[in-house]
Amino acid sequence: MKSKILTLTAVTMLLVSCGTKKAPTASTAPVTPAVTETVKATELTPELAAGKNLYENSCARCHKLYEPKKFSQEEWKPILTRMQKKAHLDDTQMASISNYITSQL
């Protein structure tokens, strides 16, 4: 009985320590970029906003999102082609994402 309680306690402690999120102690991002991103989001046309939404929701399911400016337009083409198959996106959705990324370059 004693060993069962100790085992249960150890497992509980392990799960609790793995499941908690630690809050960052200090924010390293300056305040100005957040304001700039908000302005960019409001300047998007409905079509580009739909592309941004698709990009954020489809791509972030599997990996971190890259800033559109991280790659050139030529570098984005093969990346998007490869990811279209993995994300199960049709040509219309892919065109919307491509237009959004191109607009941000």
PDB file of N, CA and C in Angstrom:
ATOM      1  N   MET A   1       0.831  -1.191   0.000  1.00  0.00           N
ATOM      2  CA  MET A   1       0.000   0.000   0.000  1.00  0.00           C
ATOM      3  C   MET A   1       0.874   1.253   0.000  1.00  0.00           C
ATOM      4  N   LYS A   2       1.934   1.230   0.795  1.00  0.00           N
ATOM      5  CA  LYS A   2       2.821   2.373   0.899  1.00  0.00           C
ATOM      6  C   LYS A   2       3.531   2.623  -0.431  1.00  0.00           C
ATOM      7  N   SER A   3       3.932   1.554  -1.120  1.00  0.00           N
ATOM      8  CA  SER A   3       4.633   1.716  -2.396  1.00  0.00           C
ATOM      9  C   SER A   3       3.680   2.259  -3.474  1.00  0.00           C
ATOM     10  N   LYS A   4       2.410   1.882  -3.415  1.00  0.00           N
ATOM     11  CA  LYS A   4       1.433   2.396  -4.369  1.00  0.00           C
ATOM     12  C   LYS A   4       1.234   3.902  -4.185  1.00  0.00           C
ATOM     13  N   ILE A   5       1.177   4.341  -2.947  1.00  0.00           N
ATOM     14  CA  ILE A   5       1.003   5.760  -2.658  1.00  0.00           C
ATOM     15  C   ILE A   5       2.223   6.536  -3.119  1.00  0.00           C
ATOM     16  N   LEU A   6       3.422   6.014  -2.858  1.00  0.00           N
ATOM     17  CA  LEU A   6       4.645   6.693  -3.289  1.00  0.00           C
ATOM     18  C   LEU A   6       4.741   6.746  -4.813  1.00  0.00           C
ATOM     19  N   THR A   7       4.368   5.663  -5.481  1.00  0.00           N
ATOM     20  CA  THR A   7       4.388   5.636  -6.939  1.00  0.00           C
ATOM     21  C   THR A   7       3.386   6.627  -7.510  1.00  0.00           C
ATOM     22  N   LEU A   8       2.184   6.634  -6.955  1.00  0.00           N
ATOM     23  CA  LEU A   8       1.158   7.571  -7.403  1.00  0.00           C
ATOM     24  C   LEU A   8       1.603   9.017  -7.180  1.00  0.00           C
ATOM     25  N   THR A   9       2.237   9.286  -6.069  1.00  0.00           N
ATOM     26  CA  THR A   9       2.734  10.623  -5.766  1.00  0.00           C
ATOM     27  C   THR A   9       3.822  11.027  -6.758  1.00  0.00           C
ATOM     28  N   ALA A  10       4.735  10.101  -7.063  1.00  0.00           N
ATOM     29  CA  ALA A  10       5.810  10.395  -8.007  1.00  0.00           C
ATOM     30  C   ALA A  10       5.265  10.677  -9.399  1.00  0.00           C
ATOM     31  N   VAL A  11       4.301   9.881  -9.828  1.00  0.00           N
ATOM     32  CA  VAL A  11       3.702  10.081 -11.150  1.00  0.00           C
ATOM     33  C   VAL A  11       2.959  11.409 -11.185  1.00  0.00           C
ATOM     34  N   THR A  12       2.244  11.731 -10.149  1.00  0.00           N
ATOM     35  CA  THR A  12       1.517  13.002 -10.080  1.00  0.00           C
ATOM     36  C   THR A  12       2.483  14.183 -10.142  1.00  0.00           C
ATOM     37  N   MET A  13       3.571  14.090  -9.402  1.00  0.00           N
ATOM     38  CA  MET A  13       4.567  15.170  -9.406  1.00  0.00           C
ATOM     39  C   MET A  13       5.176  15.335 -10.797  1.00  0.00           C
ATOM     40  N   LEU A  14       5.440  14.218 -11.461  1.00  0.00           N
ATOM     41  CA  LEU A  14       6.006  14.271 -12.806  1.00  0.00           C
ATOM     42  C   LEU A  14       5.037  14.939 -13.774  1.00  0.00           C
ATOM     43  N   LEU A  15       3.776  14.553 -13.736  1.00  0.00           N
ATOM     44  CA  LEU A  15       2.776  15.136 -14.626  1.00  0.00           C
ATOM     45  C   LEU A  15       2.568  16.621 -14.351  1.00  0.00           C
ATOM     46  N   VAL A  16       2.546  16.993 -13.102  1.00  0.00           N
ATOM     47  CA  VAL A  16       2.340  18.394 -12.749  1.00  0.00           C
ATOM     48  C   VAL A  16       3.532  19.230 -13.199  1.00  0.00           C
ATOM     49  N   SER A  17       4.743  18.725 -13.029  1.00  0.00           N
ATOM     50  CA  SER A  17       5.919  19.502 -13.419  1.00  0.00           C
ATOM     51  C   SER A  17       6.039  19.620 -14.928  1.00  0.00           C
ATOM     52  N   CYS A  18       5.578  18.625 -15.669  1.00  0.00           N
ATOM     53  CA  CYS A  18       5.635  18.682 -17.131  1.00  0.00           C
ATOM     54  C   CYS A  18       4.501  19.506 -17.716  1.00  0.00           C
ATOM     55  N   GLY A  19       3.410  19.628 -17.020  1.00  0.00           N
ATOM     56  CA  GLY A  19       2.231  20.268 -17.576  1.00  0.00           C
ATOM     57  C   GLY A  19       2.106  21.746 -17.303  1.00  0.00           C
ATOM     58  N   THR A  20       2.941  22.301 -16.472  1.00  0.00           N
ATOM     59  CA  THR A  20       2.796  23.716 -16.159  1.00  0.00           C
ATOM     60  C   THR A  20       3.578  24.554 -17.143  1.00  0.00           C
ATOM     61  N   LYS A  21       3.021  25.709 -17.465  1.00  0.00           N
ATOM     62  CA  LYS A  21       3.701  26.654 -18.341  1.00  0.00           C
ATOM     63  C   LYS A  21       4.375  27.698 -17.471  1.00  0.00           C
ATOM     64  N   LYS A  22       5.590  27.995 -17.829  1.00  0.00           N
ATOM     65  CA  LYS A  22       6.320  29.016 -17.092  1.00  0.00           C
ATOM     66  C   LYS A  22       6.169  30.338 -17.816  1.00  0.00           C
ATOM     67  N   ALA A  23       5.786  31.353 -17.092  1.00  0.00           N
ATOM     68  CA  ALA A  23       5.612  32.674 -17.668  1.00  0.00           C
ATOM     69  C   ALA A  23       6.978  33.306 -17.873  1.00  0.00           C
ATOM     70  N   PRO A  24       7.167  34.011 -18.985  1.00  0.00           N
ATOM     71  CA  PRO A  24       8.454  34.669 -19.195  1.00  0.00           C
ATOM     72  C   PRO A  24       8.662  35.743 -18.133  1.00  0.00           C
ATOM     73  N   THR A  25       9.913  35.870 -17.705  1.00  0.00           N
ATOM     74  CA  THR A  25      10.210  36.822 -16.647  1.00  0.00           C
ATOM     75  C   THR A  25      10.253  38.249 -17.155  1.00  0.00           C
ATOM     76  N   ALA A  26      10.750  38.429 -18.385  1.00  0.00           N
ATOM     77  CA  ALA A  26      10.810  39.771 -18.942  1.00  0.00           C
ATOM     78  C   ALA A  26      10.511  39.705 -20.424  1.00  0.00           C
ATOM     79  N   SER A  27       9.769  40.661 -20.888  1.00  0.00           N
ATOM     80  CA  SER A  27       9.443  40.700 -22.308  1.00  0.00           C
ATOM     81  C   SER A  27      10.613  41.294 -23.070  1.00  0.00           C
ATOM     82  N   THR A  28      11.067  40.587 -24.105  1.00  0.00           N
ATOM     83  CA  THR A  28      12.187  41.085 -24.888  1.00  0.00           C
ATOM     84  C   THR A  28      11.718  41.843 -26.126  1.00  0.00           C
ATOM     85  N   ALA A  29      10.444  41.734 -26.474  1.00  0.00           N
ATOM     86  CA  ALA A  29       9.929  42.411 -27.654  1.00  0.00           C
ATOM     87  C   ALA A  29       9.567  43.856 -27.311  1.00  0.00           C
ATOM     88  N   PRO A  30      10.031  44.790 -28.112  1.00  0.00           N
ATOM     89  CA  PRO A  30       9.652  46.174 -27.864  1.00  0.00           C
ATOM     90  C   PRO A  30       8.175  46.398 -28.179  1.00  0.00           C
ATOM     91  N   VAL A  31       7.639  47.459 -27.647  1.00  0.00           N
ATOM     92  CA  VAL A  31       6.217  47.747 -27.789  1.00  0.00           C
ATOM     93  C   VAL A  31       5.877  48.185 -29.208  1.00  0.00           C
ATOM     94  N   THR A  32       6.756  48.862 -29.886  1.00  0.00           N
ATOM     95  CA  THR A  32       6.480  49.423 -31.201  1.00  0.00           C
ATOM     96  C   THR A  32       6.115  48.374 -32.251  1.00  0.00           C
ATOM     97  N   PRO A  33       6.806  47.204 -32.375  1.00  0.00           N
ATOM     98  CA  PRO A  33       6.418  46.244 -33.414  1.00  0.00           C
ATOM     99  C   PRO A  33       4.989  45.739 -33.284  1.00  0.00           C
ATOM    100  N   ALA A  34       4.491  45.594 -32.081  1.00  0.00           N
ATOM    101  CA  ALA A  34       3.112  45.140 -31.908  1.00  0.00           C
ATOM    102  C   ALA A  34       2.148  46.158 -32.502  1.00  0.00           C
ATOM    103  N   VAL A  35       2.444  47.414 -32.301  1.00  0.00           N
ATOM    104  CA  VAL A  35       1.606  48.462 -32.866  1.00  0.00           C
ATOM    105  C   VAL A  35       1.701  48.426 -34.387  1.00  0.00           C
ATOM    106  N   THR A  36       2.899  48.220 -34.925  1.00  0.00           N
ATOM    107  CA  THR A  36       3.095  48.155 -36.371  1.00  0.00           C
ATOM    108  C   THR A  36       2.334  46.987 -36.964  1.00  0.00           C
ATOM    109  N   GLU A  37       2.376  45.812 -36.306  1.00  0.00           N
ATOM    110  CA  GLU A  37       1.650  44.650 -36.800  1.00  0.00           C
ATOM    111  C   GLU A  37       0.142  44.903 -36.799  1.00  0.00           C
ATOM    112  N   THR A  38      -0.342  45.606 -35.807  1.00  0.00           N
ATOM    113  CA  THR A  38      -1.763  45.917 -35.746  1.00  0.00           C
ATOM    114  C   THR A  38      -2.152  46.823 -36.914  1.00  0.00           C
ATOM    115  N   VAL A  39      -1.315  47.779 -37.225  1.00  0.00           N
ATOM    116  CA  VAL A  39      -1.593  48.680 -38.337  1.00  0.00           C
ATOM    117  C   VAL A  39      -1.595  47.896 -39.640  1.00  0.00           C
ATOM    118  N   LYS A  40      -0.622  46.993 -39.843  1.00  0.00           N
ATOM    119  CA  LYS A  40      -0.572  46.184 -41.057  1.00  0.00           C
ATOM    120  C   LYS A  40      -1.822  45.323 -41.187  1.00  0.00           C
ATOM    121  N   ALA A  41      -2.279  44.752 -40.088  1.00  0.00           N
ATOM    122  CA  ALA A  41      -3.450  43.879 -40.131  1.00  0.00           C
ATOM    123  C   ALA A  41      -4.692  44.663 -40.534  1.00  0.00           C
ATOM    124  N   THR A  42      -4.789  45.914 -40.111  1.00  0.00           N
ATOM    125  CA  THR A  42      -5.964  46.692 -40.468  1.00  0.00           C
ATOM    126  C   THR A  42      -5.892  47.185 -41.905  1.00  0.00           C
ATOM    127  N   GLU A  43      -4.701  47.258 -42.512  1.00  0.00           N
ATOM    128  CA  GLU A  43      -4.551  47.726 -43.874  1.00  0.00           C
ATOM    129  C   GLU A  43      -4.799  46.626 -44.900  1.00  0.00           C
ATOM    130  N   LEU A  44      -4.938  45.392 -44.478  1.00  0.00           N
ATOM    131  CA  LEU A  44      -5.124  44.290 -45.409  1.00  0.00           C
ATOM    132  C   LEU A  44      -6.509  44.332 -46.038  1.00  0.00           C
ATOM    133  N   THR A  45      -6.544  44.016 -47.315  1.00  0.00           N
ATOM    134  CA  THR A  45      -7.832  43.876 -47.991  1.00  0.00           C
ATOM    135  C   THR A  45      -8.488  42.598 -47.484  1.00  0.00           C
ATOM    136  N   PRO A  46      -9.764  42.411 -47.711  1.00  0.00           N
ATOM    137  CA  PRO A  46     -10.420  41.178 -47.255  1.00  0.00           C
ATOM    138  C   PRO A  46      -9.775  39.914 -47.842  1.00  0.00           C
ATOM    139  N   GLU A  47      -9.327  39.993 -49.094  1.00  0.00           N
ATOM    140  CA  GLU A  47      -8.677  38.832 -49.710  1.00  0.00           C
ATOM    141  C   GLU A  47      -7.360  38.513 -49.026  1.00  0.00           C
ATOM    142  N   LEU A  48      -6.565  39.560 -48.744  1.00  0.00           N
ATOM    143  CA  LEU A  48      -5.283  39.345 -48.078  1.00  0.00           C
ATOM    144  C   LEU A  48      -5.484  38.901 -46.630  1.00  0.00           C
ATOM    145  N   ALA A  49      -6.515  39.418 -45.987  1.00  0.00           N
ATOM    146  CA  ALA A  49      -6.814  38.994 -44.617  1.00  0.00           C
ATOM    147  C   ALA A  49      -7.198  37.515 -44.590  1.00  0.00           C
ATOM    148  N   ALA A  50      -7.926  37.070 -45.616  1.00  0.00           N
ATOM    149  CA  ALA A  50      -8.274  35.651 -45.701  1.00  0.00           C
ATOM    150  C   ALA A  50      -7.021  34.809 -45.908  1.00  0.00           C
ATOM    151  N   GLY A  51      -6.089  35.297 -46.723  1.00  0.00           N
ATOM    152  CA  GLY A  51      -4.826  34.594 -46.928  1.00  0.00           C
ATOM    153  C   GLY A  51      -4.003  34.528 -45.658  1.00  0.00           C
ATOM    154  N   LYS A  52      -3.991  35.622 -44.918  1.00  0.00           N
ATOM    155  CA  LYS A  52      -3.265  35.638 -43.645  1.00  0.00           C
ATOM    156  C   LYS A  52      -3.892  34.644 -42.676  1.00  0.00           C
ATOM    157  N   ASN A  53      -5.203  34.622 -42.627  1.00  0.00           N
ATOM    158  CA  ASN A  53      -5.919  33.701 -41.748  1.00  0.00           C
ATOM    159  C   ASN A  53      -5.596  32.250 -42.117  1.00  0.00           C
ATOM    160  N   LEU A  54      -5.620  31.942 -43.405  1.00  0.00           N
ATOM    161  CA  LEU A  54      -5.275  30.592 -43.859  1.00  0.00           C
ATOM    162  C   LEU A  54      -3.835  30.249 -43.490  1.00  0.00           C
ATOM    163  N   TYR A  55      -2.926  31.189 -43.718  1.00  0.00           N
ATOM    164  CA  TYR A  55      -1.510  30.973 -43.403  1.00  0.00           C
ATOM    165  C   TYR A  55      -1.335  30.666 -41.915  1.00  0.00           C
ATOM    166  N   GLU A  56      -1.945  31.490 -41.083  1.00  0.00           N
ATOM    167  CA  GLU A  56      -1.790  31.306 -39.645  1.00  0.00           C
ATOM    168  C   GLU A  56      -2.439  30.016 -39.157  1.00  0.00           C
ATOM    169  N   ASN A  57      -3.611  29.686 -39.672  1.00  0.00           N
ATOM    170  CA  ASN A  57      -4.323  28.512 -39.169  1.00  0.00           C
ATOM    171  C   ASN A  57      -3.860  27.206 -39.801  1.00  0.00           C
ATOM    172  N   SER A  58      -3.487  27.226 -41.061  1.00  0.00           N
ATOM    173  CA  SER A  58      -3.074  25.986 -41.722  1.00  0.00           C
ATOM    174  C   SER A  58      -1.617  25.641 -41.420  1.00  0.00           C
ATOM    175  N   CYS A  59      -0.765  26.630 -41.448  1.00  0.00           N
ATOM    176  CA  CYS A  59       0.669  26.370 -41.305  1.00  0.00           C
ATOM    177  C   CYS A  59       1.087  26.199 -39.846  1.00  0.00           C
ATOM    178  N   ALA A  60       0.453  26.920 -38.953  1.00  0.00           N
ATOM    179  CA  ALA A  60       0.842  26.862 -37.542  1.00  0.00           C
ATOM    180  C   ALA A  60       0.397  25.567 -36.867  1.00  0.00           C
ATOM    181  N   ARG A  61      -0.416  24.776 -37.533  1.00  0.00           N
ATOM    182  CA  ARG A  61      -0.810  23.497 -36.942  1.00  0.00           C
ATOM    183  C   ARG A  61       0.386  22.571 -36.791  1.00  0.00           C
ATOM    184  N   CYS A  62       1.352  22.689 -37.703  1.00  0.00           N
ATOM    185  CA  CYS A  62       2.470  21.744 -37.709  1.00  0.00           C
ATOM    186  C   CYS A  62       3.808  22.353 -37.303  1.00  0.00           C
ATOM    187  N   HIS A  63       3.988  23.627 -37.483  1.00  0.00           N
ATOM    188  CA  HIS A  63       5.285  24.240 -37.169  1.00  0.00           C
ATOM    189  C   HIS A  63       5.107  25.722 -36.892  1.00  0.00           C
ATOM    190  N   LYS A  64       6.204  26.349 -36.463  1.00  0.00           N
ATOM    191  CA  LYS A  64       6.143  27.784 -36.177  1.00  0.00           C
ATOM    192  C   LYS A  64       5.988  28.553 -37.483  1.00  0.00           C
ATOM    193  N   LEU A  65       5.392  29.704 -37.403  1.00  0.00           N
ATOM    194  CA  LEU A  65       5.202  30.538 -38.583  1.00  0.00           C
ATOM    195  C   LEU A  65       6.446  31.381 -38.818  1.00  0.00           C
ATOM    196  N   TYR A  66       6.806  31.489 -40.074  1.00  0.00           N
ATOM    197  CA  TYR A  66       7.932  32.342 -40.451  1.00  0.00           C
ATOM    198  C   TYR A  66       7.386  33.673 -40.938  1.00  0.00           C
ATOM    199  N   GLU A  67       8.122  34.725 -40.655  1.00  0.00           N
ATOM    200  CA  GLU A  67       7.759  36.034 -41.174  1.00  0.00           C
ATOM    201  C   GLU A  67       7.875  35.981 -42.691  1.00  0.00           C
ATOM    202  N   PRO A  68       6.940  36.552 -43.411  1.00  0.00           N
ATOM    203  CA  PRO A  68       7.020  36.521 -44.867  1.00  0.00           C
ATOM    204  C   PRO A  68       8.330  37.100 -45.413  1.00  0.00           C
ATOM    205  N   LYS A  69       8.905  38.062 -44.712  1.00  0.00           N
ATOM    206  CA  LYS A  69      10.144  38.690 -45.183  1.00  0.00           C
ATOM    207  C   LYS A  69      11.383  37.833 -44.944  1.00  0.00           C
ATOM    208  N   LYS A  70      11.227  36.710 -44.239  1.00  0.00           N
ATOM    209  CA  LYS A  70      12.379  35.852 -43.966  1.00  0.00           C
ATOM    210  C   LYS A  70      12.933  35.242 -45.246  1.00  0.00           C
ATOM    211  N   PHE A  71      12.065  35.008 -46.231  1.00  0.00           N
ATOM    212  CA  PHE A  71      12.473  34.428 -47.504  1.00  0.00           C
ATOM    213  C   PHE A  71      12.065  35.359 -48.633  1.00  0.00           C
ATOM    214  N   SER A  72      12.767  35.244 -49.752  1.00  0.00           N
ATOM    215  CA  SER A  72      12.397  36.021 -50.931  1.00  0.00           C
ATOM    216  C   SER A  72      11.219  35.342 -51.625  1.00  0.00           C
ATOM    217  N   GLN A  73      10.660  36.032 -52.610  1.00  0.00           N
ATOM    218  CA  GLN A  73       9.521  35.472 -53.335  1.00  0.00           C
ATOM    219  C   GLN A  73       9.931  34.184 -54.048  1.00  0.00           C
ATOM    220  N   GLU A  74      11.146  34.140 -54.584  1.00  0.00           N
ATOM    221  CA  GLU A  74      11.632  32.939 -55.263  1.00  0.00           C
ATOM    222  C   GLU A  74      11.812  31.786 -54.280  1.00  0.00           C
ATOM    223  N   GLU A  75      12.204  32.081 -53.044  1.00  0.00           N
ATOM    224  CA  GLU A  75      12.379  31.035 -52.034  1.00  0.00           C
ATOM    225  C   GLU A  75      11.038  30.522 -51.513  1.00  0.00           C
ATOM    226  N   TRP A  76      10.034  31.397 -51.494  1.00  0.00           N
ATOM    227  CA  TRP A  76       8.716  30.994 -51.002  1.00  0.00           C
ATOM    228  C   TRP A  76       8.020  30.016 -51.940  1.00  0.00           C
ATOM    229  N   LYS A  77       8.224  30.159 -53.254  1.00  0.00           N
ATOM    230  CA  LYS A  77       7.497  29.330 -54.226  1.00  0.00           C
ATOM    231  C   LYS A  77       7.641  27.833 -53.952  1.00  0.00           C
ATOM    232  N   PRO A  78       8.868  27.277 -53.860  1.00  0.00           N
ATOM    233  CA  PRO A  78       8.960  25.830 -53.595  1.00  0.00           C
ATOM    234  C   PRO A  78       8.481  25.447 -52.197  1.00  0.00           C
ATOM    235  N   ILE A  79       8.659  26.347 -51.240  1.00  0.00           N
ATOM    236  CA  ILE A  79       8.200  26.062 -49.875  1.00  0.00           C
ATOM    237  C   ILE A  79       6.678  25.912 -49.879  1.00  0.00           C
ATOM    238  N   LEU A  80       5.992  26.863 -50.496  1.00  0.00           N
ATOM    239  CA  LEU A  80       4.532  26.823 -50.519  1.00  0.00           C
ATOM    240  C   LEU A  80       4.010  25.641 -51.327  1.00  0.00           C
ATOM    241  N   THR A  81       4.684  25.310 -52.410  1.00  0.00           N
ATOM    242  CA  THR A  81       4.268  24.158 -53.221  1.00  0.00           C
ATOM    243  C   THR A  81       4.362  22.877 -52.409  1.00  0.00           C
ATOM    244  N   ARG A  82       5.474  22.720 -51.690  1.00  0.00           N
ATOM    245  CA  ARG A  82       5.669  21.526 -50.865  1.00  0.00           C
ATOM    246  C   ARG A  82       4.661  21.470 -49.722  1.00  0.00           C
ATOM    247  N   MET A  83       4.405  22.600 -49.102  1.00  0.00           N
ATOM    248  CA  MET A  83       3.504  22.638 -47.950  1.00  0.00           C
ATOM    249  C   MET A  83       2.037  22.497 -48.360  1.00  0.00           C
ATOM    250  N   GLN A  84       1.707  22.864 -49.590  1.00  0.00           N
ATOM    251  CA  GLN A  84       0.321  22.734 -50.056  1.00  0.00           C
ATOM    252  C   GLN A  84      -0.126  21.282 -49.966  1.00  0.00           C
ATOM    253  N   LYS A  85       0.738  20.381 -50.370  1.00  0.00           N
ATOM    254  CA  LYS A  85       0.393  18.963 -50.336  1.00  0.00           C
ATOM    255  C   LYS A  85       0.252  18.470 -48.904  1.00  0.00           C
ATOM    256  N   LYS A  86       1.160  18.896 -48.041  1.00  0.00           N
ATOM    257  CA  LYS A  86       1.135  18.436 -46.650  1.00  0.00           C
ATOM    258  C   LYS A  86      -0.060  18.991 -45.888  1.00  0.00           C
ATOM    259  N   ALA A  87      -0.449  20.224 -46.202  1.00  0.00           N
ATOM    260  CA  ALA A  87      -1.558  20.872 -45.484  1.00  0.00           C
ATOM    261  C   ALA A  87      -2.907  20.578 -46.115  1.00  0.00           C
ATOM    262  N   HIS A  88      -2.906  19.856 -47.236  1.00  0.00           N
ATOM    263  CA  HIS A  88      -4.142  19.506 -47.938  1.00  0.00           C
ATOM    264  C   HIS A  88      -4.948  20.758 -48.322  1.00  0.00           C
ATOM    265  N   LEU A  89      -4.255  21.710 -48.941  1.00  0.00           N
ATOM    266  CA  LEU A  89      -4.894  22.949 -49.377  1.00  0.00           C
ATOM    267  C   LEU A  89      -5.164  22.885 -50.874  1.00  0.00           C
ATOM    268  N   ASP A  90      -6.309  23.419 -51.292  1.00  0.00           N
ATOM    269  CA  ASP A  90      -6.596  23.453 -52.718  1.00  0.00           C
ATOM    270  C   ASP A  90      -5.899  24.655 -53.354  1.00  0.00           C
ATOM    271  N   ASP A  91      -5.986  24.760 -54.676  1.00  0.00           N
ATOM    272  CA  ASP A  91      -5.277  25.815 -55.399  1.00  0.00           C
ATOM    273  C   ASP A  91      -5.773  27.212 -55.033  1.00  0.00           C
ATOM    274  N   THR A  92      -7.053  27.352 -54.771  1.00  0.00           N
ATOM    275  CA  THR A  92      -7.610  28.649 -54.390  1.00  0.00           C
ATOM    276  C   THR A  92      -7.055  29.099 -53.046  1.00  0.00           C
ATOM    277  N   GLN A  93      -7.025  28.203 -52.087  1.00  0.00           N
ATOM    278  CA  GLN A  93      -6.471  28.533 -50.772  1.00  0.00           C
ATOM    279  C   GLN A  93      -4.984  28.862 -50.881  1.00  0.00           C
ATOM    280  N   MET A  94      -4.274  28.092 -51.694  1.00  0.00           N
ATOM    281  CA  MET A  94      -2.844  28.325 -51.851  1.00  0.00           C
ATOM    282  C   MET A  94      -2.578  29.666 -52.514  1.00  0.00           C
ATOM    283  N   ALA A  95      -3.401  30.032 -53.484  1.00  0.00           N
ATOM    284  CA  ALA A  95      -3.249  31.337 -54.139  1.00  0.00           C
ATOM    285  C   ALA A  95      -3.480  32.460 -53.135  1.00  0.00           C
ATOM    286  N   SER A  96      -4.434  32.278 -52.252  1.00  0.00           N
ATOM    287  CA  SER A  96      -4.721  33.282 -51.230  1.00  0.00           C
ATOM    288  C   SER A  96      -3.532  33.454 -50.288  1.00  0.00           C
ATOM    289  N   ILE A  97      -2.937  32.350 -49.875  1.00  0.00           N
ATOM    290  CA  ILE A  97      -1.760  32.411 -48.998  1.00  0.00           C
ATOM    291  C   ILE A  97      -0.593  33.043 -49.734  1.00  0.00           C
ATOM    292  N   SER A  98      -0.385  32.666 -50.982  1.00  0.00           N
ATOM    293  CA  SER A  98       0.712  33.227 -51.788  1.00  0.00           C
ATOM    294  C   SER A  98       0.550  34.728 -51.964  1.00  0.00           C
ATOM    295  N   ASN A  99      -0.668  35.168 -52.229  1.00  0.00           N
ATOM    296  CA  ASN A  99      -0.923  36.608 -52.377  1.00  0.00           C
ATOM    297  C   ASN A  99      -0.628  37.353 -51.082  1.00  0.00           C
ATOM    298  N   TYR A 100      -1.021  36.773 -49.959  1.00  0.00           N
ATOM    299  CA  TYR A 100      -0.746  37.420 -48.670  1.00  0.00           C
ATOM    300  C   TYR A 100       0.755  37.534 -48.444  1.00  0.00           C
ATOM    301  N   ILE A 101       1.493  36.451 -48.649  1.00  0.00           N
ATOM    302  CA  ILE A 101       2.933  36.472 -48.405  1.00  0.00           C
ATOM    303  C   ILE A 101       3.623  37.456 -49.344  1.00  0.00           C
ATOM    304  N   THR A 102       3.219  37.452 -50.608  1.00  0.00           N
ATOM    305  CA  THR A 102       3.807  38.376 -51.576  1.00  0.00           C
ATOM    306  C   THR A 102       3.529  39.829 -51.179  1.00  0.00           C
ATOM    307  N   SER A 103       2.363  40.094 -50.641  1.00  0.00           N
ATOM    308  CA  SER A 103       2.019  41.465 -50.247  1.00  0.00           C
ATOM    309  C   SER A 103       2.848  41.947 -49.061  1.00  0.00           C
ATOM    310  N   GLN A 104       3.391  41.018 -48.298  1.00  0.00           N
ATOM    311  CA  GLN A 104       4.159  41.392 -47.112  1.00  0.00           C
ATOM    312  C   GLN A 104       5.646  41.531 -47.397  1.00  0.00           C
ATOM    313  N   LEU A 105       6.084  41.171 -48.586  1.00  0.00           N
ATOM    314  CA  LEU A 105       7.517  41.263 -48.926  1.00  0.00           C
ATOM    315  C   LEU A 105       7.935  42.680 -49.198  1.00  0.00           C
TER     316      LEU A 105
END
